[in-house]
Amino acid sequence: MKFCADCGSPVALRIPQDDSRERYVCTTCNTIHYQNPRNIVGTLPVWEDGRVLLCRRAIEPRHGLWTLPAGFMENGETTWEGAARETLEEANARVKLHELYALYNLSYINQVHLIYRATLLDLDFSPGVESLEVQLFSEAEIPWDTIAFRPVKFALQHYFKERKTGVFSLLTGDLDPPVRK
């Protein structure tokens, strides 16, 4: 950040009074510009027979790979509203949301991923503008080698394990940066 969003003056990195972290502070109006993690909200949409709806990404990052319908939460909406909106935008799918199912902290990229279990209301779904295709998958059909994001893979593995018992519990975790090969 180089300039204040309020007055346009230059900003400087410094620790504001009564704070413990460096922040961008306007050199003229003293506005403190906080930078906080972004919430990624989405659903794990399931049809009556236990198959899960996945979207093949039409955008970067991870173009062409499979994911759950999810994206950045918008200002002025709840996590539930954002998850339902993203599902509608990416898969034209209407869902009934259930409980929060997975929460992952990805502090190395300043993100928090929140995934809700959801039931598809009907089979009238189709790719949205950010998806190349959308498809229902059974556990055996999941394209595990082409899942776009680790939180999605972990949530799917957790779901299929718990589906066998019918008891679903919140999965949480702090993910370290992926190991590059």
Foldseek 3Di string as FASTA:
>chain_A
DAADPVPGAGWDWDADPPGDGTFTAHPPPRDTDDDAFWEKAAEQEAEPVGWTKWFQFCDDDLHRFIFGQIGTDDPPDDSVVRHQVSCCQAKVWGWDWDDFAEWEAAVVRRYIYIYTYIYTPDPPIFGHPGGPTMDTDDPVRPPLVRHRDPRRSVSVVQSVVCVVVPDGDHHYYYDYDDDDD
